[in-house]
Protein backbone atom coordinates (compact mmCIF):
# COMPACT_ATOMS: atom_id res chain seq x y z
CA MET A 1 20.71 7.94 -6.19
CA THR A 2 21.89 8.19 -2.57
CA ASN A 3 20.64 6.55 0.60
CA THR A 4 19.28 8.97 3.18
CA ASP A 5 18.51 7.93 6.75
CA TRP A 6 15.25 9.67 7.64
CA ARG A 7 16.27 9.89 11.29
CA ARG A 8 19.20 12.17 10.45
CA LEU A 9 16.82 14.48 8.59
CA THR A 10 14.30 14.94 11.36
CA GLY A 11 16.11 14.80 14.66
CA PRO A 12 13.40 13.94 17.29
CA SER A 13 14.76 11.48 19.83
CA TRP A 14 12.00 8.91 19.23
CA ALA A 15 13.27 8.44 15.68
CA THR A 16 16.61 7.05 16.87
CA THR A 17 14.91 3.78 17.86
CA SER A 18 14.12 1.31 15.09
CA ALA A 19 10.61 -0.08 14.70
CA ASN A 20 11.82 -3.58 15.63
CA GLU A 21 13.39 -2.22 18.84
CA LEU A 22 10.21 -0.30 19.67
CA LEU A 23 8.15 -3.49 19.46
CA MET A 24 10.24 -5.10 22.19
CA GLN A 25 9.80 -2.30 24.74
CA PRO A 26 7.75 -3.19 27.85
CA LEU A 27 4.24 -1.96 28.67
CA VAL A 28 2.96 0.97 26.57
CA THR A 29 4.83 3.79 24.81
CA GLU A 30 2.70 6.53 23.25
CA MET A 31 4.06 9.20 20.91
CA ARG A 32 2.27 12.08 19.19
CA HIS A 33 3.81 13.90 16.24
CA LYS A 34 3.03 16.90 14.08
CA LEU A 35 5.11 16.56 10.94
CA SER A 36 5.57 18.69 7.85
CA PHE A 37 6.75 17.35 4.48
CA PRO A 38 6.94 18.71 0.92
CA PHE A 39 3.73 16.85 0.05
CA GLY A 40 1.70 17.89 3.11
CA ASP A 41 1.31 17.93 6.87
CA ALA A 42 0.59 14.98 9.15
CA GLU A 43 -0.65 14.48 12.68
CA ILE A 44 0.27 10.98 13.80
CA VAL A 45 -0.15 8.96 16.98
CA GLN A 46 1.94 5.83 17.63
CA ILE A 47 1.19 3.45 20.49
CA VAL A 48 3.73 0.69 21.01
CA LEU A 49 3.00 -2.53 22.91
CA PRO A 50 5.05 -5.74 23.00
CA ASN A 51 4.71 -7.22 19.46
CA ILE A 52 2.03 -4.65 18.49
CA LEU A 53 2.21 -1.18 16.94
CA ILE A 54 -0.92 1.01 16.73
CA VAL A 55 -0.78 3.95 14.32
CA TYR A 56 -3.49 6.48 13.46
CA GLY A 57 -3.75 10.02 12.18
CA ASP A 58 -4.53 12.18 9.21
CA LEU A 59 -2.78 13.90 6.32
CA ALA A 60 -3.46 17.34 4.90
CA LEU A 61 -2.11 17.07 1.37
CA ARG A 62 -0.47 19.64 -0.87
CA LYS A 63 0.65 17.07 -3.44
CA HIS A 64 -1.23 13.97 -4.41
CA HIS A 65 1.50 11.71 -5.77
CA ILE A 66 4.35 10.31 -3.66
CA ARG A 67 7.16 8.09 -4.95
CA MET A 68 8.66 5.88 -2.24
CA ARG A 69 11.12 3.09 -1.65
CA ALA A 70 11.28 1.17 1.61
CA VAL A 71 14.47 0.00 3.28
CA ASP A 72 14.66 -2.33 6.29
CA ILE A 73 10.91 -2.91 6.73
CA PRO A 74 10.05 -4.68 9.99
CA ASP A 75 8.30 -8.01 9.40
CA MET A 76 4.74 -7.07 10.37
CA ILE A 77 1.10 -7.70 9.53
CA GLU A 78 -1.15 -4.67 9.06
CA LEU A 79 -4.82 -4.36 10.00
CA HIS A 80 -5.77 -1.39 7.83
CA PHE A 81 -8.82 0.87 8.22
CA SER A 82 -9.34 3.77 5.78
CA LEU A 83 -11.42 6.28 7.73
CA ALA A 84 -11.56 9.11 5.15
CA GLY A 85 -10.11 9.76 1.71
CA ASN A 86 -9.07 7.41 -1.08
CA SER A 87 -5.65 6.33 -2.31
CA ARG A 88 -4.10 3.97 -4.84
CA VAL A 89 -0.80 2.23 -4.05
CA THR A 90 1.31 0.59 -6.76
CA ASN A 91 4.15 -1.65 -5.59
CA ARG A 92 6.76 -2.07 -8.33
CA VAL A 93 8.35 -4.99 -6.48
CA SER A 94 5.29 -7.24 -6.47
CA GLY A 95 3.47 -5.65 -9.43
CA ARG A 96 0.37 -5.28 -7.22
CA THR A 97 -1.93 -2.28 -7.12
CA GLN A 98 -4.15 -1.75 -4.10
CA ASN A 99 -6.99 0.73 -3.71
CA PHE A 100 -7.73 2.12 -0.27
CA ILE A 101 -11.27 3.44 -0.16
CA SER A 102 -12.91 5.41 2.63
CA ASN A 103 -14.69 3.25 5.25
CA LEU A 104 -13.19 -0.02 3.98
CA GLN A 105 -10.87 -2.42 5.82
CA ASN A 106 -8.51 -5.30 5.06
CA ILE A 107 -5.48 -7.14 6.47
CA LEU A 108 -2.19 -6.84 4.56
CA TYR A 109 1.30 -8.26 4.42
CA ILE A 110 3.81 -6.26 2.34
CA PRO A 111 7.37 -7.53 2.93
CA GLU A 112 8.91 -5.21 0.30
CA PHE A 113 7.82 -1.88 -1.12
CA ASP A 114 9.13 0.31 -3.92
CA GLY A 115 6.43 2.23 -5.69
CA ASP A 116 3.96 5.04 -5.97
CA VAL A 117 1.09 6.35 -3.87
CA ASN A 118 -1.63 8.43 -5.49
CA PHE A 119 -4.25 10.16 -3.37
CA ASP A 120 -7.60 11.28 -4.74
CA HIS A 121 -6.79 14.82 -5.87
CA LYS A 122 -10.49 15.71 -5.93
CA ALA A 123 -10.94 14.97 -2.24
CA GLN A 124 -11.11 17.90 0.18
CA THR A 125 -10.93 15.91 3.44
CA GLY A 126 -7.32 14.72 3.30
CA TYR A 127 -6.62 11.16 4.35
CA LYS A 128 -7.43 9.63 7.75
CA PHE A 129 -6.42 6.13 8.73
CA PHE A 130 -6.15 3.69 11.62
CA GLU A 131 -3.82 0.71 11.65
CA VAL A 132 -2.76 -2.08 13.99
CA HIS A 133 0.49 -3.93 13.22
CA PHE A 134 1.34 -7.32 14.69
CA SER A 135 4.85 -8.74 14.46
CA SER A 136 4.64 -11.62 11.98
CA ARG A 137 5.76 -14.19 14.54
CA HIS A 138 3.07 -13.08 16.99
CA PHE A 139 0.43 -13.02 14.27
CA LEU A 140 1.26 -16.54 13.10
CA GLU A 141 0.80 -17.78 16.66
CA LEU A 142 -2.58 -16.05 16.87
CA ALA A 143 -3.70 -17.36 13.48
CA LYS A 144 -3.26 -21.05 14.31
CA ASP A 145 -6.57 -22.91 13.89
CA SER A 146 -8.40 -19.59 13.41
CA GLY A 147 -10.60 -20.41 10.43
CA GLU A 148 -10.07 -20.90 6.72
CA VAL A 149 -9.67 -17.25 5.68
CA LEU A 150 -7.12 -16.31 8.35
CA SER A 151 -5.25 -19.60 7.98
CA ARG A 152 -4.90 -19.16 4.22
CA PHE A 153 -3.54 -15.64 4.75
CA ALA A 154 -1.15 -16.92 7.44
CA ASP A 155 0.22 -19.55 5.05
CA GLN A 156 1.23 -16.80 2.61
CA VAL A 157 2.82 -14.79 5.41
CA ALA A 158 4.80 -17.83 6.58
CA GLU A 159 6.15 -18.22 3.03
CA GLY A 160 7.13 -14.53 2.90
CA ARG A 161 4.73 -13.77 0.04
CA PRO A 162 2.83 -10.45 -0.27
CA ALA A 163 -0.78 -11.03 0.73
CA GLU A 164 -4.11 -9.48 1.59
CA LEU A 165 -6.87 -11.22 3.53
CA ALA A 166 -9.16 -10.89 0.50
CA PRO A 167 -8.86 -9.16 -2.90
CA LYS A 168 -11.91 -7.03 -2.11
CA SER A 169 -11.94 -4.91 1.05
CA LEU A 170 -15.08 -4.85 3.18
CA PRO A 171 -16.88 -2.02 5.02
CA ILE A 172 -15.77 -1.03 8.51
CA THR A 173 -18.58 -2.22 10.77
CA MET A 174 -20.03 -0.32 13.71
CA ALA A 175 -18.39 -2.83 16.06
CA MET A 176 -15.00 -2.03 14.45
CA HIS A 177 -15.61 1.73 14.70
CA SER A 178 -16.51 1.28 18.36
CA CYS A 179 -13.34 -0.73 19.01
CA ILE A 180 -11.20 1.88 17.23
CA ASN A 181 -12.79 4.67 19.30
CA ASP A 182 -12.13 2.69 22.49
CA ILE A 183 -8.43 2.46 21.58
CA ILE A 184 -8.14 6.14 20.67
CA ASN A 185 -9.94 7.26 23.83
CA CYS A 186 -8.32 4.79 26.24
CA ARG A 187 -7.88 6.36 29.69
CA GLN A 188 -6.38 3.37 31.50
CA GLN A 189 -2.91 3.63 32.99
CA GLY A 190 0.02 1.27 33.51
CA ARG A 191 -0.50 -2.46 33.11
CA LEU A 192 -4.28 -2.02 32.86
CA LYS A 193 -3.71 0.11 29.76
CA LEU A 194 -1.50 -2.62 28.27
CA LEU A 195 -4.13 -5.29 28.90
CA PHE A 196 -6.93 -3.08 27.60
CA LEU A 197 -5.12 -2.22 24.35
CA GLN A 198 -3.96 -5.79 23.76
CA ALA A 199 -7.54 -7.00 24.19
CA LYS A 200 -8.89 -4.36 21.79
CA CYS A 201 -6.30 -5.18 19.13
CA LEU A 202 -7.24 -8.85 19.34
CA GLU A 203 -10.92 -7.86 19.18
CA LEU A 204 -10.28 -5.89 15.98
CA LEU A 205 -8.43 -8.86 14.45
CA THR A 206 -11.34 -11.12 15.38
CA LEU A 207 -13.93 -8.73 13.96
CA GLN A 208 -12.05 -8.47 10.68
CA ALA A 209 -11.58 -12.21 10.35
CA GLN A 210 -15.29 -12.78 11.08
CA SER A 211 -16.35 -10.18 8.53
CA PHE A 212 -14.42 -11.93 5.77
CA GLU A 213 -15.51 -15.41 6.89
CA ARG A 214 -19.16 -14.33 6.72
CA ALA A 215 -18.92 -12.30 3.50
CA PRO A 216 -20.83 -13.63 0.48
CA PRO A 217 -18.51 -15.60 -1.79
CA SER A 218 -16.81 -13.51 -4.43
CA PRO A 219 -17.11 -14.51 -8.08
CA ARG A 220 -15.07 -17.60 -8.86
CA SER A 221 -11.58 -16.94 -10.15
CA VAL A 222 -11.12 -17.45 -13.87
CA LEU A 223 -7.61 -18.72 -13.09
CA ARG A 224 -7.89 -22.33 -11.98
CA SER A 225 -4.33 -22.87 -10.74
CA ASP A 226 -1.17 -21.16 -9.54
CA TYR A 227 0.34 -22.11 -12.90
CA GLU A 228 -2.24 -19.99 -14.74
CA LYS A 229 -1.56 -17.08 -12.38
CA GLU A 230 2.13 -17.45 -13.19
CA LEU A 231 1.27 -17.29 -16.90
CA ILE A 232 -0.50 -13.97 -16.27
CA ILE A 233 2.62 -12.63 -14.54
CA GLN A 234 4.74 -13.82 -17.47
CA ALA A 235 2.36 -12.04 -19.85
CA LYS A 236 2.81 -8.86 -17.82
CA ASN A 237 6.59 -9.22 -17.95
CA TYR A 238 6.52 -9.73 -21.73
CA LEU A 239 4.29 -6.69 -22.11
CA VAL A 240 6.70 -4.50 -20.14
CA GLN A 241 9.76 -5.87 -21.97
CA HIS A 242 8.15 -4.95 -25.30
CA ILE A 243 6.66 -1.65 -24.22
CA ASP A 244 8.00 0.15 -27.30
CA ASN A 245 6.27 -2.32 -29.61
CA PRO A 246 3.56 -3.99 -27.53
CA PRO A 247 1.80 -7.11 -28.81
CA SER A 248 -1.90 -7.17 -29.61
CA LEU A 249 -4.18 -8.98 -27.17
CA ALA A 250 -4.36 -11.89 -29.60
CA GLU A 251 -0.56 -12.08 -29.81
CA LEU A 252 -0.17 -11.80 -26.03
CA SER A 253 -2.79 -14.52 -25.56
CA ARG A 254 -0.82 -16.85 -27.84
CA ILE A 255 2.52 -16.01 -26.20
CA ALA A 256 1.11 -16.56 -22.69
CA GLY A 257 -0.63 -19.79 -23.63
CA LEU A 258 -4.00 -18.55 -22.35
CA ASN A 259 -7.23 -17.96 -24.22
CA MET A 260 -8.39 -14.38 -24.63
CA PHE A 261 -11.03 -14.62 -21.90
CA LYS A 262 -8.55 -15.87 -19.29
CA LEU A 263 -5.92 -13.36 -20.35
CA LYS A 264 -8.19 -10.32 -20.05
CA ASN A 265 -10.11 -11.35 -16.95
CA GLY A 266 -7.15 -13.03 -15.26
CA PHE A 267 -5.01 -9.93 -15.81
CA ARG A 268 -7.64 -7.73 -14.16
CA GLU A 269 -7.96 -10.23 -11.31
CA VAL A 270 -4.21 -10.26 -10.60
CA PHE A 271 -3.29 -6.63 -11.31
CA ASN A 272 -6.60 -4.85 -10.72
CA THR A 273 -6.52 -3.21 -14.15
CA THR A 274 -6.75 -4.10 -17.84
CA VAL A 275 -3.79 -5.21 -19.97
CA TYR A 276 -3.51 -1.87 -21.72
CA GLY A 277 -4.39 0.04 -18.56
CA TYR A 278 -1.33 -1.56 -16.97
CA LEU A 279 0.77 -0.76 -20.05
CA ASN A 280 -0.33 2.87 -19.91
CA ASP A 281 0.54 3.07 -16.21
CA VAL A 282 4.05 1.71 -16.88
CA ARG A 283 4.54 4.21 -19.71
CA LEU A 284 3.51 7.10 -17.48
CA MET A 285 5.81 5.86 -14.71
CA GLN A 286 8.67 5.86 -17.23
CA ALA A 287 7.66 9.35 -18.35
CA LYS A 288 7.90 10.52 -14.76
CA GLU A 289 11.42 9.09 -14.47
CA GLN A 290 12.41 10.77 -17.76
CA LEU A 291 11.12 14.13 -16.57
CA LEU A 292 13.51 13.78 -13.64
CA THR A 293 16.48 13.51 -16.02
CA GLY A 294 15.46 16.65 -17.94
CA VAL A 295 13.89 15.11 -21.05
CA SER A 296 11.40 17.57 -22.54
CA ILE A 297 7.66 16.98 -22.30
CA LYS A 298 7.38 17.17 -26.07
CA GLU A 299 10.04 14.48 -26.58
CA ILE A 300 8.42 12.17 -24.01
CA ALA A 301 4.99 12.61 -25.58
CA LEU A 302 6.46 11.69 -28.97
CA GLN A 303 8.30 8.63 -27.58
CA LEU A 304 5.14 7.33 -25.91
CA GLY A 305 3.09 7.72 -29.06
CA TYR A 306 0.75 10.50 -27.92
CA GLY A 307 -0.72 12.58 -30.73
CA SER A 308 0.09 15.83 -28.97
CA VAL A 309 1.66 17.30 -25.87
CA GLN A 310 -1.84 18.23 -24.70
CA HIS A 311 -3.00 14.60 -24.95
CA PHE A 312 0.04 13.40 -22.98
CA SER A 313 -0.40 16.13 -20.36
CA LYS A 314 -4.04 15.18 -19.87
CA ALA A 315 -3.16 11.50 -19.36
CA TYR A 316 -0.30 12.40 -17.00
CA SER A 317 -2.47 14.74 -14.93
CA LYS A 318 -5.19 12.10 -14.67
CA LYS A 319 -2.65 9.57 -13.39
CA PHE A 320 -0.68 11.73 -10.96
CA GLY A 321 -3.00 14.64 -10.16
CA VAL A 322 -0.47 17.22 -11.40
CA PRO A 323 0.63 18.29 -14.92
CA PRO A 324 4.02 16.97 -16.12
CA GLY A 325 5.51 20.46 -16.08
CA GLY A 326 4.75 20.88 -12.39
CA ALA A 327 5.40 17.36 -11.13
CA ASP A 328 7.73 16.69 -8.25
CA ASN A 329 9.34 13.35 -9.07
CA ARG A 330 11.54 13.01 -6.04
CA MET A 331 11.06 10.31 -3.46
CA VAL A 332 10.22 11.84 -0.11
CA PRO A 333 11.46 10.69 3.30
CA PHE A 334 8.90 9.64 5.89
CA PRO A 335 9.08 7.84 9.24
CA TYR A 336 7.78 4.36 9.95
CA ILE A 337 4.07 4.91 10.43
CA CYS A 338 2.98 2.33 7.89
CA LEU A 339 0.01 3.52 5.86
CA THR A 340 0.19 0.08 4.19
CA GLN A 341 3.93 0.62 3.87
CA LEU A 342 3.29 4.12 2.54
CA PHE A 343 5.04 5.38 5.67
CA LEU A 344 8.27 3.54 6.17
CA PRO A 345 11.33 3.61 8.44
CA TYR A 346 13.79 4.83 5.83
CA GLN A 347 13.41 6.27 2.35
CA THR A 348 15.88 6.75 -0.49
CA PRO A 349 14.99 10.01 -2.27
CA LEU A 350 15.81 10.52 -5.91
CA ASN A 351 18.11 13.51 -6.34
């Protein structure tokens, strides 16, 4: 594996400035890009203000699975709005899986990313998104005394822990759509443009915080303490360590020190999937890595315990949107445009 600086691959002058340096530039810098990659084409707009980065655009996809690793991520908070298309992001660093569904919004903090992005291969519309990123320091100042939901999220950010404002994203309201349109169609110039965009970004943050403050309470967590959440993570680690001979649910329950109800429901709560759904995902991830090294599909299917190559191929295609024989397992380079850390400043591709 070799490290590749994305900026040396692409060449445009804007790419020679790091995201952290961009955030410190005065007034407003706006950049529009048409980019082409092995997995598809992108039209992206970046608007840079002091301590704020606005990013929006759309992707026309040719491939629906992307493997990525982030290097040197700026410390930022992301207001994320999925305008069209669905995706599923799995971060191998934190073990978290996040689903991004059309017309839903959330606020995210992802300090590290190494994982996989899967787009809905049945969708015909591509993927359209809008994001506002605040530098963490600026966000923490804004979040002081700003209500229970935002304060709880800010506490996690201050501790450097991955976080989302709420486990369940909420619909993008008409007021949010209106604010997004105002930003996209801004015709102000100079310092008036700076003030206008700053105000609209703060308005979006306020609208999101209010939407989560006013949302009906979600079902009570089955995990009553951080200790029980840690037991779920330990159960996941044990499961992965014994992937070749996985324990039964009863055995895993005993090993984790949790009853069956808390194990099954707590696992879904933390990892957004079932115990064996997670195990299957890990196995398929390993299969993808093995394909890269030249191991045959038949051998992988046998190692993973599938009854036939056809059964394995069906499971693989369902997971990644492409059959194992036609999968492209390389990491792809992409600039820092932050689709919840999908687009990052530097990537290390697998050769």
